[in-house]
Amino acid sequence: QEGIAEALSDADALINSLEQLIAKKRHIKHGAMQNLLAGKQRLPGFSELRRQNSEVGKIPVDWRVLEIGLIASVKTGPFGSSLHERDYVDDGTPIITVEHLGERGVLHANLPMVSEADRTRLNAYSLEEGDIVFSRVGSVDRNARISKAEHGWLFSGRLLRVRPLDDSTDTKYLSYHFHFEPFKQRVRTVAVGQTMASLNTQILRSVLIVLPDPREQAAIAAVLTDMDAEIAALEAKLAKAGQIKQGMMHNLLTGRIRLV
């Protein structure tokens, strides 16, 4: 009994240490976002420390405040009459909706799919790597960036697609900026609706964003991307440790495996 309890306690200790480390890394990333996306801390090579007042608060003097519509197109997903649940098939092109918008990208679970014929018919609602999709109703500040894995997928009528007009905007920076609490607050403030918050293309185009020059956008995005990769690796270790513990419990507590 003591041997089994000690083995499982060691597994619990590993899980607990990983949970604490993940919480610490998330806290560090949150602080980095607060400093880098507000220009309070500048990365090497971007040393201008003077700040200016703007419509969204104090920002570096070499940063700009623009409406989303000036740097990106915004498109609503297909109306309900264009796509019905009966159109879904078991194997085809996935369609993402609000439930698939994760904190670090698109979630690939429980994806509805449409046939090749419907994909062609709905081609105007296809997604490209670098697009960012927003929830149109409910949690209107919820959004996710489209990665290479989702290129060519479709988006539903419950979403709005933001697509930068040219390469002068780093889409990874834009995604982090869209997850920055001051920006999310601006979105929630302009949303309309009595019973449920909602956005439309005109409203989202008018929301203000803060842009450094393209080089600094890329540098900020690189730092935050590295932090996300580290957190994701730790989360994978945590999931594996949890699976190992479940296997240990199953084998040790049934006597299928005996300790030395």
C-alpha atoms as a PDB file:
ATOM      1  CA  GLN A   1       0.000   0.000   0.000  1.00  0.00           C
ATOM      2  CA  GLU A   2       2.770   2.420   0.946  1.00  0.00           C
ATOM      3  CA  GLY A   3       4.694   1.667  -2.233  1.00  0.00           C
ATOM      4  CA  ILE A   4       1.650   2.310  -4.445  1.00  0.00           C
ATOM      5  CA  ALA A   5       0.763   5.512  -2.563  1.00  0.00           C
ATOM      6  CA  GLU A   6       4.327   6.803  -2.886  1.00  0.00           C
ATOM      7  CA  ALA A   7       4.418   6.135  -6.641  1.00  0.00           C
ATOM      8  CA  LEU A   8       1.112   7.962  -7.179  1.00  0.00           C
ATOM      9  CA  SER A   9       2.197  10.824  -4.894  1.00  0.00           C
ATOM     10  CA  ASP A  10       5.291  11.310  -7.050  1.00  0.00           C
ATOM     11  CA  ALA A  11       3.071  11.498 -10.126  1.00  0.00           C
ATOM     12  CA  ASP A  12       0.862  14.080  -8.380  1.00  0.00           C
ATOM     13  CA  ALA A  13       3.925  16.120  -7.432  1.00  0.00           C
ATOM     14  CA  LEU A  14       5.068  16.231 -11.069  1.00  0.00           C
ATOM     15  CA  ILE A  15       1.601  17.318 -12.232  1.00  0.00           C
ATOM     16  CA  ASN A  16       1.440  20.006  -9.544  1.00  0.00           C
ATOM     17  CA  SER A  17       4.869  21.381 -10.432  1.00  0.00           C
ATOM     18  CA  LEU A  18       3.937  21.579 -14.119  1.00  0.00           C
ATOM     19  CA  GLU A  19       0.671  23.363 -13.287  1.00  0.00           C
ATOM     20  CA  GLN A  20       2.547  25.930 -11.213  1.00  0.00           C
ATOM     21  CA  LEU A  21       5.146  26.464 -13.939  1.00  0.00           C
ATOM     22  CA  ILE A  22       2.433  26.940 -16.586  1.00  0.00           C
ATOM     23  CA  ALA A  23       0.659  29.484 -14.369  1.00  0.00           C
ATOM     24  CA  LYS A  24       3.958  31.346 -13.918  1.00  0.00           C
ATOM     25  CA  LYS A  25       4.690  31.379 -17.669  1.00  0.00           C
ATOM     26  CA  ARG A  26       1.173  32.645 -18.416  1.00  0.00           C
ATOM     27  CA  HIS A  27       1.647  35.435 -15.887  1.00  0.00           C
ATOM     28  CA  ILE A  28       4.970  36.393 -17.497  1.00  0.00           C
ATOM     29  CA  LYS A  29       3.348  36.432 -20.946  1.00  0.00           C
ATOM     30  CA  HIS A  30       0.491  38.594 -19.655  1.00  0.00           C
ATOM     31  CA  GLY A  31       3.028  41.106 -18.316  1.00  0.00           C
ATOM     32  CA  ALA A  32       4.933  41.069 -21.599  1.00  0.00           C
ATOM     33  CA  MET A  33       1.730  41.796 -23.532  1.00  0.00           C
ATOM     34  CA  GLN A  34       0.889  44.674 -21.188  1.00  0.00           C
ATOM     35  CA  ASN A  35       4.298  46.249 -21.734  1.00  0.00           C
ATOM     36  CA  LEU A  36       5.058  45.476 -25.387  1.00  0.00           C
ATOM     37  CA  LEU A  37       1.614  46.097 -26.898  1.00  0.00           C
ATOM     38  CA  ALA A  38       1.287  49.423 -25.090  1.00  0.00           C
ATOM     39  CA  GLY A  39       4.835  50.487 -25.986  1.00  0.00           C
ATOM     40  CA  LYS A  40       5.817  50.810 -22.328  1.00  0.00           C
ATOM     41  CA  GLN A  41       8.789  48.561 -23.015  1.00  0.00           C
ATOM     42  CA  ARG A  42      10.649  48.678 -26.341  1.00  0.00           C
ATOM     43  CA  LEU A  43      12.664  45.814 -27.760  1.00  0.00           C
ATOM     44  CA  PRO A  44      16.335  46.229 -28.769  1.00  0.00           C
ATOM     45  CA  GLY A  45      16.605  48.333 -31.909  1.00  0.00           C
ATOM     46  CA  PHE A  46      13.481  50.362 -31.087  1.00  0.00           C
ATOM     47  CA  SER A  47      14.753  52.850 -28.541  1.00  0.00           C
ATOM     48  CA  GLU A  48      12.429  55.869 -28.915  1.00  0.00           C
ATOM     49  CA  LEU A  49      11.127  56.441 -25.371  1.00  0.00           C
ATOM     50  CA  ARG A  50       9.066  59.586 -25.909  1.00  0.00           C
ATOM     51  CA  ARG A  51       5.329  59.063 -25.658  1.00  0.00           C
ATOM     52  CA  GLN A  52       2.317  60.935 -26.974  1.00  0.00           C
ATOM     53  CA  ASN A  53      -1.335  61.201 -26.054  1.00  0.00           C
ATOM     54  CA  SER A  54      -3.721  59.437 -28.441  1.00  0.00           C
ATOM     55  CA  GLU A  55      -7.369  58.398 -28.676  1.00  0.00           C
ATOM     56  CA  VAL A  56      -6.459  55.164 -26.857  1.00  0.00           C
ATOM     57  CA  GLY A  57      -4.076  56.597 -24.261  1.00  0.00           C
ATOM     58  CA  LYS A  58      -0.332  57.197 -24.194  1.00  0.00           C
ATOM     59  CA  ILE A  59       1.688  55.461 -26.928  1.00  0.00           C
ATOM     60  CA  PRO A  60       5.208  55.901 -28.380  1.00  0.00           C
ATOM     61  CA  VAL A  61       5.550  58.918 -30.651  1.00  0.00           C
ATOM     62  CA  ASP A  62       6.505  56.705 -33.614  1.00  0.00           C
ATOM     63  CA  TRP A  63       3.355  54.528 -33.341  1.00  0.00           C
ATOM     64  CA  ARG A  64       0.057  55.176 -35.149  1.00  0.00           C
ATOM     65  CA  VAL A  65      -3.606  54.821 -34.174  1.00  0.00           C
ATOM     66  CA  LEU A  66      -5.822  53.699 -37.066  1.00  0.00           C
ATOM     67  CA  GLU A  67      -9.259  52.244 -37.664  1.00  0.00           C
ATOM     68  CA  ILE A  68      -9.256  48.567 -38.631  1.00  0.00           C
ATOM     69  CA  GLY A  69     -10.993  49.462 -41.905  1.00  0.00           C
ATOM     70  CA  LEU A  70      -7.938  51.430 -43.042  1.00  0.00           C
ATOM     71  CA  ILE A  71      -5.622  48.405 -42.912  1.00  0.00           C
ATOM     72  CA  ALA A  72      -7.974  45.463 -43.482  1.00  0.00           C
ATOM     73  CA  SER A  73     -11.176  44.339 -45.183  1.00  0.00           C
ATOM     74  CA  VAL A  74     -13.959  43.013 -42.963  1.00  0.00           C
ATOM     75  CA  LYS A  75     -16.504  40.470 -44.253  1.00  0.00           C
ATOM     76  CA  THR A  76     -19.511  38.756 -42.654  1.00  0.00           C
ATOM     77  CA  GLY A  77     -19.978  35.019 -43.027  1.00  0.00           C
ATOM     78  CA  PRO A  78     -22.722  33.511 -45.217  1.00  0.00           C
ATOM     79  CA  PHE A  79     -26.342  34.218 -44.286  1.00  0.00           C
ATOM     80  CA  GLY A  80     -28.375  31.358 -42.873  1.00  0.00           C
ATOM     81  CA  SER A  81     -30.195  30.840 -46.167  1.00  0.00           C
ATOM     82  CA  SER A  82     -26.857  30.096 -47.861  1.00  0.00           C
ATOM     83  CA  LEU A  83     -25.857  27.284 -45.528  1.00  0.00           C
ATOM     84  CA  HIS A  84     -28.010  24.852 -43.555  1.00  0.00           C
ATOM     85  CA  GLU A  85     -27.115  22.120 -41.110  1.00  0.00           C
ATOM     86  CA  ARG A  86     -28.551  19.583 -43.564  1.00  0.00           C
ATOM     87  CA  ASP A  87     -25.724  20.583 -45.951  1.00  0.00           C
ATOM     88  CA  TYR A  88     -23.077  19.118 -43.616  1.00  0.00           C
ATOM     89  CA  VAL A  89     -21.238  15.975 -44.692  1.00  0.00           C
ATOM     90  CA  ASP A  90     -18.942  13.500 -42.928  1.00  0.00           C
ATOM     91  CA  ASP A  91     -15.880  14.315 -45.024  1.00  0.00           C
ATOM     92  CA  GLY A  92     -15.245  17.628 -46.758  1.00  0.00           C
ATOM     93  CA  THR A  93     -14.124  21.202 -46.135  1.00  0.00           C
ATOM     94  CA  PRO A  94     -14.405  22.307 -42.482  1.00  0.00           C
ATOM     95  CA  ILE A  95     -16.402  25.364 -41.422  1.00  0.00           C
ATOM     96  CA  ILE A  96     -15.350  27.177 -38.275  1.00  0.00           C
ATOM     97  CA  THR A  97     -17.742  29.009 -35.986  1.00  0.00           C
ATOM     98  CA  VAL A  98     -17.617  30.723 -32.583  1.00  0.00           C
ATOM     99  CA  GLU A  99     -16.941  27.540 -30.601  1.00  0.00           C
ATOM    100  CA  HIS A 100     -13.720  26.978 -32.581  1.00  0.00           C
ATOM    101  CA  LEU A 101     -12.094  30.304 -31.596  1.00  0.00           C
ATOM    102  CA  GLY A 102      -9.341  29.423 -29.127  1.00  0.00           C
ATOM    103  CA  GLU A 103      -6.942  31.682 -27.256  1.00  0.00           C
ATOM    104  CA  ARG A 104      -3.980  30.618 -29.393  1.00  0.00           C
ATOM    105  CA  GLY A 105      -5.723  29.752 -32.651  1.00  0.00           C
ATOM    106  CA  VAL A 106      -8.507  27.659 -34.130  1.00  0.00           C
ATOM    107  CA  LEU A 107      -9.684  24.561 -32.252  1.00  0.00           C
ATOM    108  CA  HIS A 108     -10.015  21.511 -34.488  1.00  0.00           C
ATOM    109  CA  ALA A 109     -12.643  19.565 -32.504  1.00  0.00           C
ATOM    110  CA  ASN A 110     -16.236  18.966 -33.689  1.00  0.00           C
ATOM    111  CA  LEU A 111     -15.837  20.707 -37.033  1.00  0.00           C
ATOM    112  CA  PRO A 112     -18.843  20.668 -39.369  1.00  0.00           C
ATOM    113  CA  MET A 113     -17.945  20.010 -43.018  1.00  0.00           C
ATOM    114  CA  VAL A 114     -19.456  20.709 -46.424  1.00  0.00           C
ATOM    115  CA  SER A 115     -19.120  19.026 -49.796  1.00  0.00           C
ATOM    116  CA  GLU A 116     -16.811  20.164 -52.592  1.00  0.00           C
ATOM    117  CA  ALA A 117     -19.810  21.599 -54.452  1.00  0.00           C
ATOM    118  CA  ASP A 118     -20.787  23.735 -51.448  1.00  0.00           C
ATOM    119  CA  ARG A 119     -17.167  24.767 -50.896  1.00  0.00           C
ATOM    120  CA  THR A 120     -17.059  26.092 -54.463  1.00  0.00           C
ATOM    121  CA  ARG A 121     -20.427  27.816 -54.043  1.00  0.00           C
ATOM    122  CA  LEU A 122     -19.245  29.466 -50.806  1.00  0.00           C
ATOM    123  CA  ASN A 123     -15.768  30.329 -52.085  1.00  0.00           C
ATOM    124  CA  ALA A 124     -16.230  34.004 -51.135  1.00  0.00           C
ATOM    125  CA  TYR A 125     -16.199  32.861 -47.503  1.00  0.00           C
ATOM    126  CA  SER A 126     -12.925  30.932 -47.690  1.00  0.00           C
ATOM    127  CA  LEU A 127     -10.087  31.608 -45.273  1.00  0.00           C
ATOM    128  CA  GLU A 128      -6.413  32.296 -45.882  1.00  0.00           C
ATOM    129  CA  GLU A 129      -3.457  31.976 -43.531  1.00  0.00           C
ATOM    130  CA  GLY A 130      -3.194  35.266 -41.629  1.00  0.00           C
ATOM    131  CA  ASP A 131      -6.922  36.044 -41.639  1.00  0.00           C
ATOM    132  CA  ILE A 132      -8.409  36.755 -38.222  1.00  0.00           C
ATOM    133  CA  VAL A 133     -12.005  35.822 -37.440  1.00  0.00           C
ATOM    134  CA  PHE A 134     -14.182  37.461 -34.775  1.00  0.00           C
ATOM    135  CA  SER A 135     -17.336  36.294 -33.076  1.00  0.00           C
ATOM    136  CA  ARG A 136     -20.180  38.376 -34.491  1.00  0.00           C
ATOM    137  CA  VAL A 137     -22.595  37.785 -31.597  1.00  0.00           C
ATOM    138  CA  GLY A 138     -22.252  37.106 -27.877  1.00  0.00           C
ATOM    139  CA  SER A 139     -18.586  37.164 -26.897  1.00  0.00           C
ATOM    140  CA  VAL A 140     -17.745  39.750 -29.549  1.00  0.00           C
ATOM    141  CA  ASP A 141     -14.151  40.202 -28.349  1.00  0.00           C
ATOM    142  CA  ARG A 142     -13.397  36.530 -29.031  1.00  0.00           C
ATOM    143  CA  ASN A 143     -11.160  36.000 -32.068  1.00  0.00           C
ATOM    144  CA  ALA A 144      -8.531  33.698 -33.578  1.00  0.00           C
ATOM    145  CA  ARG A 145      -5.887  33.856 -36.277  1.00  0.00           C
ATOM    146  CA  ILE A 146      -6.041  31.417 -39.191  1.00  0.00           C
ATOM    147  CA  SER A 147      -2.898  29.303 -39.479  1.00  0.00           C
ATOM    148  CA  LYS A 148      -1.543  27.336 -42.428  1.00  0.00           C
ATOM    149  CA  ALA A 149      -3.499  24.301 -41.199  1.00  0.00           C
ATOM    150  CA  GLU A 150      -6.840  26.095 -41.732  1.00  0.00           C
ATOM    151  CA  HIS A 151      -6.005  27.679 -45.102  1.00  0.00           C
ATOM    152  CA  GLY A 152      -8.912  27.025 -47.488  1.00  0.00           C
ATOM    153  CA  TRP A 153     -11.477  26.356 -44.762  1.00  0.00           C
ATOM    154  CA  LEU A 154     -14.743  28.330 -44.574  1.00  0.00           C
ATOM    155  CA  PHE A 155     -16.228  30.541 -41.845  1.00  0.00           C
ATOM    156  CA  SER A 156     -19.825  30.622 -40.684  1.00  0.00           C
ATOM    157  CA  GLY A 157     -22.371  33.430 -40.562  1.00  0.00           C
ATOM    158  CA  ARG A 158     -21.674  33.874 -36.847  1.00  0.00           C
ATOM    159  CA  LEU A 159     -18.193  35.195 -37.627  1.00  0.00           C
ATOM    160  CA  LEU A 160     -16.553  38.243 -39.187  1.00  0.00           C
ATOM    161  CA  ARG A 161     -13.359  37.846 -41.225  1.00  0.00           C
ATOM    162  CA  VAL A 162     -10.597  40.468 -40.955  1.00  0.00           C
ATOM    163  CA  ARG A 163      -8.085  40.287 -43.822  1.00  0.00           C
ATOM    164  CA  PRO A 164      -5.174  42.814 -43.973  1.00  0.00           C
ATOM    165  CA  LEU A 165      -5.032  44.750 -47.231  1.00  0.00           C
ATOM    166  CA  ASP A 166      -1.268  44.338 -47.710  1.00  0.00           C
ATOM    167  CA  ASP A 167       1.921  43.004 -46.136  1.00  0.00           C
ATOM    168  CA  SER A 168       2.590  46.156 -44.111  1.00  0.00           C
ATOM    169  CA  THR A 169       0.625  44.674 -41.202  1.00  0.00           C
ATOM    170  CA  ASP A 170       2.059  41.647 -39.405  1.00  0.00           C
ATOM    171  CA  THR A 171      -0.926  39.348 -38.835  1.00  0.00           C
ATOM    172  CA  LYS A 172       0.621  37.677 -35.782  1.00  0.00           C
ATOM    173  CA  TYR A 173       1.110  41.099 -34.178  1.00  0.00           C
ATOM    174  CA  LEU A 174      -2.457  41.994 -35.134  1.00  0.00           C
ATOM    175  CA  SER A 175      -3.737  38.797 -33.501  1.00  0.00           C
ATOM    176  CA  TYR A 176      -1.905  39.559 -30.248  1.00  0.00           C
ATOM    177  CA  HIS A 177      -3.186  43.136 -30.359  1.00  0.00           C
ATOM    178  CA  PHE A 178      -6.732  41.795 -30.798  1.00  0.00           C
ATOM    179  CA  HIS A 179      -6.212  39.699 -27.630  1.00  0.00           C
ATOM    180  CA  PHE A 180      -4.933  42.735 -25.694  1.00  0.00           C
ATOM    181  CA  GLU A 181      -7.472  43.699 -23.015  1.00  0.00           C
ATOM    182  CA  PRO A 182      -7.648  47.435 -23.903  1.00  0.00           C
ATOM    183  CA  PHE A 183      -8.558  46.500 -27.492  1.00  0.00           C
ATOM    184  CA  LYS A 184     -11.108  43.904 -26.347  1.00  0.00           C
ATOM    185  CA  GLN A 185     -12.678  46.537 -24.129  1.00  0.00           C
ATOM    186  CA  ARG A 186     -13.026  48.883 -27.124  1.00  0.00           C
ATOM    187  CA  VAL A 187     -14.820  46.127 -29.043  1.00  0.00           C
ATOM    188  CA  ARG A 188     -17.204  45.413 -26.174  1.00  0.00           C
ATOM    189  CA  THR A 189     -17.934  49.135 -25.833  1.00  0.00           C
ATOM    190  CA  VAL A 190     -19.025  49.637 -29.452  1.00  0.00           C
ATOM    191  CA  ALA A 191     -21.055  46.417 -29.734  1.00  0.00           C
ATOM    192  CA  VAL A 192     -24.812  46.845 -30.152  1.00  0.00           C
ATOM    193  CA  GLY A 193     -27.843  44.791 -29.085  1.00  0.00           C
ATOM    194  CA  GLN A 194     -30.233  44.795 -26.160  1.00  0.00           C
ATOM    195  CA  THR A 195     -30.198  41.117 -25.161  1.00  0.00           C
ATOM    196  CA  MET A 196     -26.954  39.967 -26.821  1.00  0.00           C
ATOM    197  CA  ALA A 197     -23.926  41.971 -27.924  1.00  0.00           C
ATOM    198  CA  SER A 198     -23.321  41.931 -31.656  1.00  0.00           C
ATOM    199  CA  LEU A 199     -20.993  43.370 -34.284  1.00  0.00           C
ATOM    200  CA  ASN A 200     -21.300  44.105 -37.968  1.00  0.00           C
ATOM    201  CA  THR A 201     -18.723  44.949 -40.607  1.00  0.00           C
ATOM    202  CA  GLN A 202     -19.151  48.712 -40.202  1.00  0.00           C
ATOM    203  CA  ILE A 203     -18.709  48.611 -36.425  1.00  0.00           C
ATOM    204  CA  LEU A 204     -15.632  46.398 -36.524  1.00  0.00           C
ATOM    205  CA  ARG A 205     -14.029  48.509 -39.266  1.00  0.00           C
ATOM    206  CA  SER A 206     -14.327  51.562 -37.003  1.00  0.00           C
ATOM    207  CA  VAL A 207     -12.536  50.050 -33.963  1.00  0.00           C
ATOM    208  CA  LEU A 208      -9.154  51.655 -33.291  1.00  0.00           C
ATOM    209  CA  ILE A 209      -5.881  49.717 -33.280  1.00  0.00           C
ATOM    210  CA  VAL A 210      -2.315  50.726 -32.424  1.00  0.00           C
ATOM    211  CA  LEU A 211       0.423  49.976 -34.948  1.00  0.00           C
ATOM    212  CA  PRO A 212       4.221  50.260 -34.653  1.00  0.00           C
ATOM    213  CA  ASP A 213       6.191  50.051 -37.886  1.00  0.00           C
ATOM    214  CA  PRO A 214       6.213  46.595 -39.570  1.00  0.00           C
ATOM    215  CA  ARG A 215       9.660  45.645 -38.214  1.00  0.00           C
ATOM    216  CA  GLU A 216       8.622  46.285 -34.625  1.00  0.00           C
ATOM    217  CA  GLN A 217       5.306  44.510 -35.170  1.00  0.00           C
ATOM    218  CA  ALA A 218       7.219  41.403 -36.266  1.00  0.00           C
ATOM    219  CA  ALA A 219       9.674  41.672 -33.352  1.00  0.00           C
ATOM    220  CA  ILE A 220       6.883  41.927 -30.766  1.00  0.00           C
ATOM    221  CA  ALA A 221       5.005  39.031 -32.363  1.00  0.00           C
ATOM    222  CA  ALA A 222       8.160  36.874 -32.336  1.00  0.00           C
ATOM    223  CA  VAL A 223       8.680  37.376 -28.588  1.00  0.00           C
ATOM    224  CA  LEU A 224       5.065  36.530 -27.761  1.00  0.00           C
ATOM    225  CA  THR A 225       5.030  33.581 -30.183  1.00  0.00           C
ATOM    226  CA  ASP A 226       8.065  32.083 -28.426  1.00  0.00           C
ATOM    227  CA  MET A 227       6.265  32.443 -25.088  1.00  0.00           C
ATOM    228  CA  ASP A 228       3.174  30.728 -26.489  1.00  0.00           C
ATOM    229  CA  ALA A 229       5.297  27.875 -27.851  1.00  0.00           C
ATOM    230  CA  GLU A 230       6.886  27.361 -24.430  1.00  0.00           C
ATOM    231  CA  ILE A 231       3.483  27.329 -22.727  1.00  0.00           C
ATOM    232  CA  ALA A 232       2.086  24.895 -25.314  1.00  0.00           C
ATOM    233  CA  ALA A 233       5.045  22.533 -24.773  1.00  0.00           C
ATOM    234  CA  LEU A 234       4.480  22.590 -21.005  1.00  0.00           C
ATOM    235  CA  GLU A 235       0.747  21.971 -21.486  1.00  0.00           C
ATOM    236  CA  ALA A 236       1.584  18.938 -23.632  1.00  0.00           C
ATOM    237  CA  LYS A 237       3.877  17.634 -20.865  1.00  0.00           C
ATOM    238  CA  LEU A 238       1.096  18.181 -18.332  1.00  0.00           C
ATOM    239  CA  ALA A 239      -1.424  16.274 -20.455  1.00  0.00           C
ATOM    240  CA  LYS A 240       1.048  13.401 -20.870  1.00  0.00           C
ATOM    241  CA  ALA A 241       1.774  13.336 -17.121  1.00  0.00           C
ATOM    242  CA  GLY A 242      -1.962  13.139 -16.436  1.00  0.00           C
ATOM    243  CA  GLN A 243      -2.330  10.219 -18.843  1.00  0.00           C
ATOM    244  CA  ILE A 244       0.613   8.417 -17.239  1.00  0.00           C
ATOM    245  CA  LYS A 245      -0.909   8.855 -13.774  1.00  0.00           C
ATOM    246  CA  GLN A 246      -4.255   7.467 -14.957  1.00  0.00           C
ATOM    247  CA  GLY A 247      -2.451   4.446 -16.401  1.00  0.00           C
ATOM    248  CA  MET A 248      -0.509   3.959 -13.170  1.00  0.00           C
ATOM    249  CA  MET A 249      -3.702   4.062 -11.103  1.00  0.00           C
ATOM    250  CA  HIS A 250      -5.404   1.580 -13.404  1.00  0.00           C
ATOM    251  CA  ASN A 251      -2.514  -0.868 -13.235  1.00  0.00           C
ATOM    252  CA  LEU A 252      -1.332  -0.453  -9.638  1.00  0.00           C
ATOM    253  CA  LEU A 253      -4.723  -0.285  -7.936  1.00  0.00           C
ATOM    254  CA  THR A 254      -5.939  -3.413  -9.744  1.00  0.00           C
ATOM    255  CA  GLY A 255      -2.702  -5.318  -9.146  1.00  0.00           C
ATOM    256  CA  ARG A 256      -2.072  -5.751 -12.854  1.00  0.00           C
ATOM    257  CA  ILE A 257       1.423  -4.386 -12.276  1.00  0.00           C
ATOM    258  CA  ARG A 258       3.274  -5.018  -9.015  1.00  0.00           C
ATOM    259  CA  LEU A 259       5.990  -2.743  -7.705  1.00  0.00           C
ATOM    260  CA  VAL A 260       9.471  -4.096  -7.059  1.00  0.00           C
END
